[in-house]
Amino acid sequence: MELFQANHYRSYRVVSCRTIADAFKTDGEYALHIFSRPFPAPSHASTFFHDTLGLCLDDLSTEGIKRNFGDQVNTIAEIILNRYDKKLPHYLTHLTTNLTAGEIEQCYSERARSRMREMFNMLILGGGDRRK
């Protein structure tokens, strides 16, 4: 996903789910707000002059549950549901995961999995680890 983040159709930022969860731990609801909408972007050749950038949630399920002053939230589930509720175009949200559909439902809820099914095209890359 990092190789394709700057593309002529629609650029996006790749952000680790752990980073997003840690942002919630320190910044609370503000972090949810930031990641629940498209990122504003300066008009620049590196993003093909797009005015907003999408989000790629990298490595879904590695974030765990985080607390912010007593508020315990599954940050990624909230962000996915928020982005769905805002009716963001499908090309503004991407994700990577090693989970199966059943494991996603177990970690995030049937509702979140249903929204993901509508929001995303699924590509399964078989074979061994490519990070060697």
N, C-alpha and C. Protein backbone atom coordinates (compact mmCIF):
# COMPACT_ATOMS: atom_id res chain seq x y z
N MET A 1 0.83 -1.20 0.00
CA MET A 1 0.00 0.00 0.00
C MET A 1 0.87 1.26 0.00
N GLU A 2 2.05 1.16 0.61
CA GLU A 2 2.92 2.32 0.62
C GLU A 2 3.39 2.69 -0.78
N LEU A 3 3.56 1.70 -1.65
CA LEU A 3 4.00 1.98 -3.01
C LEU A 3 2.95 2.75 -3.81
N PHE A 4 1.67 2.56 -3.48
CA PHE A 4 0.59 3.16 -4.25
C PHE A 4 -0.02 4.41 -3.61
N GLN A 5 0.52 4.85 -2.47
CA GLN A 5 -0.14 5.95 -1.76
C GLN A 5 -0.14 7.26 -2.52
N ALA A 6 0.85 7.52 -3.35
CA ALA A 6 0.82 8.70 -4.21
C ALA A 6 0.43 8.21 -5.60
N ASN A 7 -0.81 8.47 -5.98
CA ASN A 7 -1.29 8.02 -7.28
C ASN A 7 -2.16 9.10 -7.91
N HIS A 8 -2.27 9.06 -9.22
CA HIS A 8 -2.99 10.13 -9.92
C HIS A 8 -4.49 10.11 -9.67
N TYR A 9 -5.05 8.94 -9.31
CA TYR A 9 -6.49 8.87 -9.08
C TYR A 9 -6.87 9.50 -7.74
N ARG A 10 -6.27 9.03 -6.65
CA ARG A 10 -6.54 9.59 -5.33
C ARG A 10 -5.45 9.14 -4.37
N SER A 11 -4.67 10.09 -3.87
CA SER A 11 -3.59 9.78 -2.93
C SER A 11 -4.14 9.58 -1.52
N TYR A 12 -3.36 8.88 -0.70
CA TYR A 12 -3.76 8.62 0.68
C TYR A 12 -2.53 8.53 1.56
N ARG A 13 -2.75 8.61 2.87
CA ARG A 13 -1.69 8.45 3.86
C ARG A 13 -1.81 7.06 4.47
N VAL A 14 -0.69 6.39 4.64
CA VAL A 14 -0.66 5.09 5.32
C VAL A 14 -0.30 5.36 6.78
N VAL A 15 -1.21 4.97 7.69
CA VAL A 15 -0.98 5.19 9.12
C VAL A 15 -1.22 3.88 9.85
N SER A 16 -0.29 3.50 10.68
CA SER A 16 -0.41 2.28 11.46
C SER A 16 -1.57 2.38 12.45
N CYS A 17 -2.32 1.31 12.60
CA CYS A 17 -3.43 1.29 13.57
C CYS A 17 -2.90 1.51 14.99
N ARG A 18 -1.70 1.04 15.27
CA ARG A 18 -1.10 1.28 16.59
C ARG A 18 -0.87 2.77 16.82
N THR A 19 -0.43 3.48 15.79
CA THR A 19 -0.20 4.93 15.89
C THR A 19 -1.51 5.65 16.17
N ILE A 20 -2.57 5.24 15.50
CA ILE A 20 -3.88 5.88 15.70
C ILE A 20 -4.38 5.62 17.11
N ALA A 21 -4.24 4.39 17.60
CA ALA A 21 -4.67 4.06 18.96
C ALA A 21 -3.86 4.84 19.99
N ASP A 22 -2.57 4.99 19.76
CA ASP A 22 -1.73 5.78 20.67
C ASP A 22 -2.13 7.25 20.65
N ALA A 23 -2.54 7.75 19.48
CA ALA A 23 -3.00 9.14 19.39
C ALA A 23 -4.26 9.32 20.23
N PHE A 24 -5.17 8.32 20.21
CA PHE A 24 -6.36 8.41 21.05
C PHE A 24 -5.98 8.41 22.53
N LYS A 25 -5.00 7.59 22.88
CA LYS A 25 -4.57 7.51 24.28
C LYS A 25 -4.10 8.87 24.80
N THR A 26 -3.43 9.65 23.95
CA THR A 26 -2.93 10.95 24.40
C THR A 26 -3.88 12.11 24.10
N ASP A 27 -4.58 12.06 22.94
CA ASP A 27 -5.39 13.19 22.51
C ASP A 27 -6.90 12.98 22.63
N GLY A 28 -7.33 11.76 22.95
CA GLY A 28 -8.75 11.48 23.16
C GLY A 28 -9.58 11.63 21.90
N GLU A 29 -10.78 12.21 22.08
CA GLU A 29 -11.75 12.35 20.99
C GLU A 29 -11.19 13.13 19.80
N TYR A 30 -10.25 14.01 20.05
CA TYR A 30 -9.66 14.79 18.96
C TYR A 30 -9.02 13.86 17.93
N ALA A 31 -8.33 12.81 18.38
CA ALA A 31 -7.71 11.85 17.46
C ALA A 31 -8.77 11.15 16.61
N LEU A 32 -9.88 10.77 17.24
CA LEU A 32 -10.96 10.14 16.47
C LEU A 32 -11.47 11.10 15.39
N HIS A 33 -11.60 12.37 15.74
CA HIS A 33 -12.06 13.37 14.79
C HIS A 33 -11.09 13.49 13.61
N ILE A 34 -9.81 13.57 13.89
CA ILE A 34 -8.79 13.74 12.84
C ILE A 34 -8.80 12.58 11.85
N PHE A 35 -8.87 11.35 12.37
CA PHE A 35 -8.78 10.17 11.50
C PHE A 35 -10.13 9.75 10.91
N SER A 36 -11.21 10.41 11.29
CA SER A 36 -12.53 10.07 10.77
C SER A 36 -12.92 10.90 9.56
N ARG A 37 -12.03 11.72 9.08
CA ARG A 37 -12.33 12.56 7.92
C ARG A 37 -11.12 12.54 6.99
N PRO A 38 -11.30 13.00 5.74
CA PRO A 38 -10.15 13.09 4.83
C PRO A 38 -9.13 14.10 5.36
N PHE A 39 -7.87 13.87 5.05
CA PHE A 39 -6.82 14.80 5.46
C PHE A 39 -6.74 15.95 4.45
N PRO A 40 -6.74 17.19 4.92
CA PRO A 40 -6.51 18.29 3.99
C PRO A 40 -5.07 18.21 3.48
N ALA A 41 -4.87 18.55 2.22
CA ALA A 41 -3.54 18.46 1.63
C ALA A 41 -3.23 19.73 0.86
N PRO A 42 -2.00 20.22 0.99
CA PRO A 42 -1.62 21.36 0.16
C PRO A 42 -1.50 20.90 -1.29
N SER A 43 -1.88 21.74 -2.18
CA SER A 43 -1.79 21.41 -3.60
C SER A 43 -0.32 21.26 -3.98
N HIS A 44 0.10 20.03 -4.29
CA HIS A 44 1.51 19.76 -4.55
C HIS A 44 1.63 18.62 -5.55
N ALA A 45 2.68 18.63 -6.32
CA ALA A 45 2.90 17.60 -7.35
C ALA A 45 3.03 16.20 -6.75
N SER A 46 3.55 16.09 -5.51
CA SER A 46 3.74 14.76 -4.91
C SER A 46 2.42 14.04 -4.63
N THR A 47 1.34 14.79 -4.52
CA THR A 47 0.01 14.19 -4.34
C THR A 47 -0.89 14.48 -5.54
N PHE A 48 -0.27 14.77 -6.67
CA PHE A 48 -0.98 15.02 -7.92
C PHE A 48 -2.01 16.15 -7.78
N PHE A 49 -1.68 17.11 -6.93
CA PHE A 49 -2.48 18.32 -6.72
C PHE A 49 -3.88 18.03 -6.16
N HIS A 50 -4.02 16.95 -5.41
CA HIS A 50 -5.29 16.68 -4.73
C HIS A 50 -5.41 17.61 -3.53
N ASP A 51 -6.64 18.00 -3.21
CA ASP A 51 -6.83 18.88 -2.06
C ASP A 51 -7.11 18.11 -0.77
N THR A 52 -7.43 16.83 -0.88
CA THR A 52 -7.60 15.97 0.31
C THR A 52 -6.93 14.64 0.04
N LEU A 53 -6.55 13.98 1.14
CA LEU A 53 -5.93 12.66 1.06
C LEU A 53 -6.79 11.66 1.82
N GLY A 54 -6.80 10.44 1.34
CA GLY A 54 -7.49 9.36 2.03
C GLY A 54 -6.62 8.79 3.14
N LEU A 55 -7.09 7.70 3.74
CA LEU A 55 -6.40 7.05 4.85
C LEU A 55 -6.31 5.56 4.59
N CYS A 56 -5.13 5.01 4.79
CA CYS A 56 -4.95 3.56 4.78
C CYS A 56 -4.62 3.13 6.20
N LEU A 57 -5.53 2.37 6.80
CA LEU A 57 -5.34 1.83 8.15
C LEU A 57 -4.44 0.61 8.03
N ASP A 58 -3.20 0.74 8.44
CA ASP A 58 -2.23 -0.32 8.24
C ASP A 58 -2.18 -1.28 9.42
N ASP A 59 -2.25 -2.55 9.12
CA ASP A 59 -2.12 -3.64 10.09
C ASP A 59 -3.25 -3.65 11.12
N LEU A 60 -4.45 -3.74 10.61
CA LEU A 60 -5.65 -3.81 11.44
C LEU A 60 -5.52 -4.93 12.46
N SER A 61 -5.90 -4.68 13.67
CA SER A 61 -5.95 -5.60 14.82
C SER A 61 -4.70 -5.55 15.68
N THR A 62 -3.73 -4.73 15.34
CA THR A 62 -2.52 -4.65 16.17
C THR A 62 -2.61 -3.55 17.22
N GLU A 63 -3.73 -2.79 17.22
CA GLU A 63 -3.81 -1.60 18.06
C GLU A 63 -4.24 -1.85 19.50
N GLY A 64 -5.05 -2.85 19.73
CA GLY A 64 -5.56 -3.10 21.09
C GLY A 64 -6.55 -2.02 21.52
N ILE A 65 -7.10 -2.20 22.70
CA ILE A 65 -8.04 -1.23 23.27
C ILE A 65 -7.24 -0.21 24.07
N LYS A 66 -7.50 1.06 23.84
CA LYS A 66 -6.78 2.13 24.55
C LYS A 66 -7.73 2.93 25.40
N ARG A 67 -7.18 3.53 26.45
CA ARG A 67 -7.94 4.38 27.36
C ARG A 67 -7.43 5.81 27.28
N ASN A 68 -8.38 6.74 27.44
CA ASN A 68 -8.05 8.14 27.57
C ASN A 68 -8.89 8.68 28.71
N PHE A 69 -8.26 8.90 29.85
CA PHE A 69 -8.94 9.42 31.04
C PHE A 69 -10.22 8.66 31.35
N GLY A 70 -10.16 7.36 31.35
CA GLY A 70 -11.31 6.54 31.70
C GLY A 70 -12.17 6.12 30.54
N ASP A 71 -12.07 6.81 29.41
CA ASP A 71 -12.82 6.41 28.21
C ASP A 71 -12.08 5.27 27.53
N GLN A 72 -12.74 4.14 27.41
CA GLN A 72 -12.15 2.98 26.74
C GLN A 72 -12.86 2.80 25.41
N VAL A 73 -12.10 2.86 24.32
CA VAL A 73 -12.69 2.85 22.99
C VAL A 73 -11.90 1.93 22.07
N ASN A 74 -12.61 1.19 21.23
CA ASN A 74 -11.97 0.48 20.14
C ASN A 74 -11.81 1.51 19.03
N THR A 75 -10.67 2.16 18.99
CA THR A 75 -10.47 3.33 18.14
C THR A 75 -10.69 3.04 16.66
N ILE A 76 -10.18 1.94 16.18
CA ILE A 76 -10.28 1.66 14.75
C ILE A 76 -11.72 1.37 14.35
N ALA A 77 -12.45 0.64 15.18
CA ALA A 77 -13.87 0.39 14.90
C ALA A 77 -14.63 1.71 14.84
N GLU A 78 -14.35 2.62 15.76
CA GLU A 78 -15.01 3.93 15.76
C GLU A 78 -14.69 4.72 14.50
N ILE A 79 -13.44 4.69 14.10
CA ILE A 79 -13.03 5.44 12.90
C ILE A 79 -13.69 4.86 11.66
N ILE A 80 -13.72 3.54 11.54
CA ILE A 80 -14.37 2.91 10.39
C ILE A 80 -15.85 3.27 10.35
N LEU A 81 -16.52 3.16 11.50
CA LEU A 81 -17.95 3.49 11.55
C LEU A 81 -18.18 4.98 11.26
N ASN A 82 -17.33 5.85 11.78
CA ASN A 82 -17.45 7.29 11.51
C ASN A 82 -17.28 7.60 10.03
N ARG A 83 -16.27 7.00 9.41
CA ARG A 83 -16.02 7.24 7.99
C ARG A 83 -17.19 6.70 7.15
N TYR A 84 -17.76 5.59 7.56
CA TYR A 84 -18.93 5.04 6.87
C TYR A 84 -20.12 6.00 7.02
N ASP A 85 -20.38 6.46 8.26
CA ASP A 85 -21.51 7.35 8.52
C ASP A 85 -21.40 8.66 7.75
N LYS A 86 -20.17 9.13 7.54
CA LYS A 86 -19.96 10.38 6.80
C LYS A 86 -20.11 10.17 5.29
N LYS A 87 -20.32 8.93 4.89
CA LYS A 87 -20.49 8.57 3.49
C LYS A 87 -19.32 9.03 2.63
N LEU A 88 -18.12 8.83 3.17
CA LEU A 88 -16.93 9.18 2.40
C LEU A 88 -16.84 8.25 1.19
N PRO A 89 -16.39 8.76 0.06
CA PRO A 89 -16.24 7.89 -1.11
C PRO A 89 -15.31 6.71 -0.81
N HIS A 90 -15.57 5.59 -1.46
CA HIS A 90 -14.83 4.37 -1.17
C HIS A 90 -13.33 4.50 -1.37
N TYR A 91 -12.89 5.38 -2.24
CA TYR A 91 -11.46 5.50 -2.50
C TYR A 91 -10.71 6.29 -1.43
N LEU A 92 -11.40 6.78 -0.40
CA LEU A 92 -10.72 7.53 0.65
C LEU A 92 -10.35 6.68 1.87
N THR A 93 -10.75 5.41 1.90
CA THR A 93 -10.43 4.56 3.04
C THR A 93 -9.94 3.21 2.53
N HIS A 94 -8.77 2.80 3.03
CA HIS A 94 -8.17 1.51 2.70
C HIS A 94 -7.71 0.88 4.00
N LEU A 95 -7.44 -0.42 3.98
CA LEU A 95 -6.84 -1.04 5.16
C LEU A 95 -6.07 -2.28 4.77
N THR A 96 -5.14 -2.65 5.63
CA THR A 96 -4.40 -3.90 5.48
C THR A 96 -4.58 -4.69 6.77
N THR A 97 -4.64 -6.02 6.63
CA THR A 97 -4.80 -6.87 7.81
C THR A 97 -4.39 -8.30 7.47
N ASN A 98 -4.08 -9.05 8.48
CA ASN A 98 -3.83 -10.48 8.34
C ASN A 98 -5.03 -11.28 8.83
N LEU A 99 -6.11 -10.61 9.23
CA LEU A 99 -7.28 -11.28 9.79
C LEU A 99 -8.18 -11.85 8.70
N THR A 100 -8.90 -12.89 9.05
CA THR A 100 -9.97 -13.40 8.19
C THR A 100 -11.24 -12.60 8.49
N ALA A 101 -12.27 -12.79 7.66
CA ALA A 101 -13.53 -12.07 7.88
C ALA A 101 -14.12 -12.42 9.24
N GLY A 102 -14.06 -13.68 9.63
CA GLY A 102 -14.58 -14.09 10.94
C GLY A 102 -13.82 -13.45 12.09
N GLU A 103 -12.51 -13.35 11.96
CA GLU A 103 -11.70 -12.72 13.01
C GLU A 103 -11.98 -11.23 13.10
N ILE A 104 -12.24 -10.59 11.95
CA ILE A 104 -12.60 -9.16 11.97
C ILE A 104 -13.89 -8.97 12.74
N GLU A 105 -14.87 -9.81 12.48
CA GLU A 105 -16.15 -9.71 13.19
C GLU A 105 -15.96 -9.92 14.69
N GLN A 106 -15.11 -10.85 15.06
CA GLN A 106 -14.85 -11.14 16.47
C GLN A 106 -14.17 -9.95 17.17
N CYS A 107 -13.25 -9.30 16.48
CA CYS A 107 -12.51 -8.18 17.08
C CYS A 107 -13.29 -6.86 17.05
N TYR A 108 -14.09 -6.64 16.01
CA TYR A 108 -14.67 -5.32 15.78
C TYR A 108 -16.20 -5.27 15.80
N SER A 109 -16.89 -6.34 15.75
CA SER A 109 -18.35 -6.45 15.77
C SER A 109 -18.91 -6.76 14.38
N GLU A 110 -20.08 -7.35 14.39
CA GLU A 110 -20.76 -7.68 13.14
C GLU A 110 -21.09 -6.41 12.35
N ARG A 111 -21.46 -5.36 13.06
CA ARG A 111 -21.81 -4.09 12.42
C ARG A 111 -20.62 -3.51 11.67
N ALA A 112 -19.45 -3.48 12.32
CA ALA A 112 -18.26 -2.95 11.68
C ALA A 112 -17.86 -3.81 10.48
N ARG A 113 -17.95 -5.12 10.62
CA ARG A 113 -17.61 -6.00 9.49
C ARG A 113 -18.55 -5.77 8.32
N SER A 114 -19.82 -5.59 8.60
CA SER A 114 -20.79 -5.32 7.55
C SER A 114 -20.45 -4.03 6.81
N ARG A 115 -20.06 -3.00 7.55
CA ARG A 115 -19.68 -1.72 6.93
C ARG A 115 -18.42 -1.88 6.10
N MET A 116 -17.48 -2.66 6.61
CA MET A 116 -16.24 -2.90 5.88
C MET A 116 -16.52 -3.61 4.56
N ARG A 117 -17.43 -4.56 4.59
CA ARG A 117 -17.78 -5.31 3.39
C ARG A 117 -18.30 -4.35 2.31
N GLU A 118 -19.04 -3.33 2.73
CA GLU A 118 -19.58 -2.36 1.79
C GLU A 118 -18.53 -1.34 1.35
N MET A 119 -17.60 -0.99 2.25
CA MET A 119 -16.63 0.06 1.98
C MET A 119 -15.43 -0.41 1.16
N PHE A 120 -15.05 -1.68 1.27
CA PHE A 120 -13.78 -2.14 0.72
C PHE A 120 -13.94 -3.24 -0.32
N ASN A 121 -12.99 -3.28 -1.25
CA ASN A 121 -12.78 -4.43 -2.09
C ASN A 121 -11.71 -5.26 -1.41
N MET A 122 -11.88 -6.56 -1.37
CA MET A 122 -10.92 -7.40 -0.67
C MET A 122 -9.97 -8.05 -1.66
N LEU A 123 -8.68 -7.91 -1.41
CA LEU A 123 -7.64 -8.56 -2.17
C LEU A 123 -6.90 -9.50 -1.24
N ILE A 124 -6.85 -10.77 -1.59
CA ILE A 124 -6.15 -11.75 -0.75
C ILE A 124 -4.83 -12.06 -1.43
N LEU A 125 -3.75 -11.81 -0.69
CA LEU A 125 -2.42 -12.11 -1.18
C LEU A 125 -1.92 -13.35 -0.46
N GLY A 126 -1.89 -14.46 -1.15
CA GLY A 126 -1.43 -15.71 -0.55
C GLY A 126 0.09 -15.81 -0.58
N GLY A 127 0.57 -16.90 -0.03
CA GLY A 127 2.00 -17.14 -0.05
C GLY A 127 2.68 -16.73 1.23
N GLY A 128 3.98 -16.73 1.17
CA GLY A 128 4.80 -16.43 2.36
C GLY A 128 4.90 -14.95 2.66
N ASP A 129 5.60 -14.66 3.73
CA ASP A 129 5.84 -13.29 4.17
C ASP A 129 6.69 -12.56 3.15
N ARG A 130 6.27 -11.37 2.77
CA ARG A 130 7.00 -10.57 1.77
C ARG A 130 7.97 -9.58 2.40
N ARG A 131 8.10 -9.60 3.72
CA ARG A 131 8.96 -8.64 4.42
C ARG A 131 10.34 -9.20 4.71
N LYS A 132 10.82 -10.07 3.92
CA LYS A 132 12.13 -10.69 4.18
C LYS A 132 13.26 -9.82 3.73
